[in-house]
C-alpha cells in the first residue's frame, strides 16, 4: 500500500490543496461565496490538476543526475 504514495502523488495532492486554498482565500478576500465564483472555482482546481500532471510528467521524464 505504501508504494502507491509516490512523490508524484504527493506533488499532485499538494497542487490540488494549494489551488483550493488560493481559491478559498480569493473568495474570502473578495467577501464572496465560493459558489458565486461560478465557473472559475472548479476551473482553478482543473487547471491545478492539469499543471500538476504536466509537471509530474516533466519531472519523471527529466534526465537523472
N, C-alpha and C. Protein backbone atom coordinates (compact mmCIF):
# COMPACT_ATOMS: atom_id res chain seq x y z
N UNK A 1 0.83 -1.20 0.00
CA UNK A 1 0.00 0.00 0.00
C UNK A 1 0.87 1.26 0.00
N UNK A 2 1.98 1.23 0.71
CA UNK A 2 2.82 2.43 0.80
C UNK A 2 3.47 2.76 -0.54
N UNK A 3 3.61 1.77 -1.44
CA UNK A 3 4.21 2.07 -2.73
C UNK A 3 3.26 2.84 -3.65
N UNK A 4 1.99 2.99 -3.26
CA UNK A 4 1.04 3.79 -4.04
C UNK A 4 1.21 5.28 -3.79
N UNK A 5 1.83 5.63 -2.67
CA UNK A 5 2.03 7.04 -2.33
C UNK A 5 3.45 7.43 -2.76
N UNK A 6 3.55 7.85 -4.00
CA UNK A 6 4.84 8.23 -4.56
C UNK A 6 5.02 9.74 -4.47
N UNK A 7 6.19 10.21 -4.85
CA UNK A 7 6.44 11.65 -4.88
C UNK A 7 5.50 12.34 -5.85
N UNK A 8 5.19 11.70 -6.98
CA UNK A 8 4.26 12.28 -7.95
C UNK A 8 2.87 12.46 -7.35
N UNK A 9 2.41 11.46 -6.61
CA UNK A 9 1.09 11.54 -5.98
C UNK A 9 1.07 12.66 -4.94
N UNK A 10 2.10 12.75 -4.13
CA UNK A 10 2.17 13.80 -3.12
C UNK A 10 2.25 15.18 -3.75
N UNK A 11 3.02 15.30 -4.83
CA UNK A 11 3.13 16.57 -5.52
C UNK A 11 1.78 16.97 -6.13
N UNK A 12 1.07 16.03 -6.73
CA UNK A 12 -0.24 16.29 -7.31
C UNK A 12 -1.23 16.72 -6.22
N UNK A 13 -1.18 16.04 -5.09
CA UNK A 13 -2.05 16.40 -3.96
C UNK A 13 -1.74 17.81 -3.46
N UNK A 14 -0.46 18.15 -3.40
CA UNK A 14 -0.07 19.49 -2.96
C UNK A 14 -0.61 20.56 -3.91
N UNK A 15 -0.54 20.31 -5.23
CA UNK A 15 -1.09 21.26 -6.21
C UNK A 15 -2.59 21.46 -5.96
N UNK A 16 -3.31 20.36 -5.72
CA UNK A 16 -4.76 20.44 -5.51
C UNK A 16 -5.10 21.22 -4.24
N UNK A 17 -4.38 20.94 -3.16
CA UNK A 17 -4.62 21.63 -1.89
C UNK A 17 -4.28 23.12 -2.03
N UNK A 18 -3.19 23.42 -2.70
CA UNK A 18 -2.81 24.82 -2.91
C UNK A 18 -3.84 25.56 -3.74
N UNK A 19 -4.34 24.94 -4.78
CA UNK A 19 -5.37 25.58 -5.62
C UNK A 19 -6.64 25.82 -4.83
N UNK A 20 -7.03 24.87 -4.00
CA UNK A 20 -8.22 25.04 -3.17
C UNK A 20 -8.03 26.15 -2.16
N UNK A 21 -6.84 26.20 -1.55
CA UNK A 21 -6.56 27.24 -0.56
C UNK A 21 -6.55 28.63 -1.20
N UNK A 22 -5.94 28.74 -2.37
CA UNK A 22 -5.89 30.03 -3.05
C UNK A 22 -7.29 30.47 -3.48
N UNK A 23 -8.08 29.54 -4.00
CA UNK A 23 -9.46 29.87 -4.40
C UNK A 23 -10.27 30.30 -3.19
N UNK A 24 -10.12 29.61 -2.07
CA UNK A 24 -10.83 29.98 -0.84
C UNK A 24 -10.37 31.34 -0.34
N UNK A 25 -9.07 31.61 -0.43
CA UNK A 25 -8.55 32.91 0.00
C UNK A 25 -9.09 34.04 -0.86
N UNK A 26 -9.14 33.83 -2.16
CA UNK A 26 -9.70 34.84 -3.06
C UNK A 26 -11.16 35.10 -2.73
N UNK A 27 -11.91 34.02 -2.45
CA UNK A 27 -13.31 34.18 -2.09
C UNK A 27 -13.45 34.93 -0.77
N UNK A 28 -12.59 34.63 0.19
CA UNK A 28 -12.67 35.30 1.50
C UNK A 28 -12.27 36.77 1.39
N UNK A 29 -11.21 37.05 0.65
CA UNK A 29 -10.75 38.43 0.50
C UNK A 29 -11.79 39.25 -0.26
N UNK A 30 -12.40 38.63 -1.26
CA UNK A 30 -13.42 39.33 -2.05
C UNK A 30 -14.78 39.36 -1.39
N UNK A 31 -14.91 38.75 -0.21
CA UNK A 31 -16.17 38.70 0.53
C UNK A 31 -17.29 38.12 -0.33
N UNK A 32 -16.98 37.03 -1.02
CA UNK A 32 -17.99 36.36 -1.84
C UNK A 32 -18.09 34.90 -1.42
N UNK A 33 -19.21 34.31 -1.76
CA UNK A 33 -19.41 32.89 -1.51
C UNK A 33 -18.66 32.11 -2.58
N UNK A 34 -18.11 30.97 -2.21
CA UNK A 34 -17.36 30.14 -3.16
C UNK A 34 -18.19 29.85 -4.40
N UNK A 35 -19.47 29.54 -4.20
CA UNK A 35 -20.34 29.19 -5.33
C UNK A 35 -20.58 30.37 -6.26
N UNK A 36 -20.42 31.60 -5.74
CA UNK A 36 -20.64 32.76 -6.60
C UNK A 36 -19.47 33.00 -7.55
N UNK A 37 -18.37 32.28 -7.35
CA UNK A 37 -17.26 32.38 -8.29
C UNK A 37 -17.60 31.69 -9.61
N UNK A 38 -18.71 30.97 -9.61
CA UNK A 38 -19.19 30.33 -10.83
C UNK A 38 -18.21 29.34 -11.39
N UNK A 39 -17.95 29.49 -12.67
CA UNK A 39 -17.09 28.56 -13.39
C UNK A 39 -15.64 28.64 -12.94
N UNK A 40 -15.24 29.77 -12.38
CA UNK A 40 -13.83 29.97 -12.05
C UNK A 40 -13.35 29.10 -10.89
N UNK A 41 -14.22 28.78 -9.95
CA UNK A 41 -13.79 27.96 -8.82
C UNK A 41 -13.37 26.55 -9.27
N UNK A 42 -14.22 25.79 -9.95
CA UNK A 42 -13.76 24.47 -10.40
C UNK A 42 -12.69 24.56 -11.49
N UNK A 43 -12.69 25.66 -12.24
CA UNK A 43 -11.69 25.84 -13.27
C UNK A 43 -10.29 25.95 -12.65
N UNK A 44 -10.21 26.61 -11.50
CA UNK A 44 -8.93 26.71 -10.79
C UNK A 44 -8.44 25.33 -10.37
N UNK A 45 -9.35 24.50 -9.89
CA UNK A 45 -8.98 23.14 -9.50
C UNK A 45 -8.53 22.33 -10.70
N UNK A 46 -9.25 22.46 -11.80
CA UNK A 46 -8.89 21.72 -13.02
C UNK A 46 -7.54 22.17 -13.57
N UNK A 47 -7.31 23.47 -13.55
CA UNK A 47 -6.03 23.99 -14.03
C UNK A 47 -4.88 23.48 -13.16
N UNK A 48 -5.11 23.43 -11.85
CA UNK A 48 -4.07 22.92 -10.94
C UNK A 48 -3.80 21.45 -11.20
N UNK A 49 -4.86 20.67 -11.45
CA UNK A 49 -4.68 19.25 -11.74
C UNK A 49 -3.90 19.06 -13.04
N UNK A 50 -4.24 19.84 -14.05
CA UNK A 50 -3.56 19.73 -15.33
C UNK A 50 -2.10 20.15 -15.21
N UNK A 51 -1.86 21.27 -14.55
CA UNK A 51 -0.50 21.75 -14.37
C UNK A 51 0.32 20.77 -13.54
N UNK A 52 -0.30 20.22 -12.50
CA UNK A 52 0.38 19.23 -11.67
C UNK A 52 0.77 18.00 -12.46
N UNK A 53 -0.13 17.54 -13.34
CA UNK A 53 0.17 16.38 -14.17
C UNK A 53 1.30 16.67 -15.15
N UNK A 54 1.28 17.88 -15.73
CA UNK A 54 2.34 18.25 -16.67
C UNK A 54 3.69 18.28 -15.96
N UNK A 55 3.72 18.88 -14.77
CA UNK A 55 4.97 18.95 -14.01
C UNK A 55 5.45 17.55 -13.62
N UNK A 56 4.52 16.69 -13.20
CA UNK A 56 4.90 15.33 -12.83
C UNK A 56 5.48 14.58 -14.02
N UNK A 57 4.86 14.73 -15.19
CA UNK A 57 5.38 14.08 -16.39
C UNK A 57 6.77 14.61 -16.74
N UNK A 58 6.92 15.92 -16.64
CA UNK A 58 8.20 16.54 -16.96
C UNK A 58 9.29 16.06 -15.99
N UNK A 59 8.95 16.01 -14.69
CA UNK A 59 9.94 15.57 -13.70
C UNK A 59 10.27 14.08 -13.87
N UNK A 60 9.30 13.29 -14.25
CA UNK A 60 9.53 11.86 -14.45
C UNK A 60 10.40 11.61 -15.67
N UNK A 61 10.24 12.47 -16.69
CA UNK A 61 10.99 12.30 -17.93
C UNK A 61 12.34 13.02 -17.89
N UNK A 62 12.57 13.82 -16.86
CA UNK A 62 13.81 14.59 -16.79
C UNK A 62 14.99 13.64 -16.59
N UNK A 63 16.12 13.97 -17.19
CA UNK A 63 17.30 13.11 -17.01
C UNK A 63 17.72 13.05 -15.55
N UNK A 64 18.06 11.87 -15.11
CA UNK A 64 18.51 11.69 -13.72
C UNK A 64 20.02 11.96 -13.65
N UNK A 65 20.40 12.68 -12.63
CA UNK A 65 21.84 13.03 -12.49
C UNK A 65 22.63 11.84 -11.97
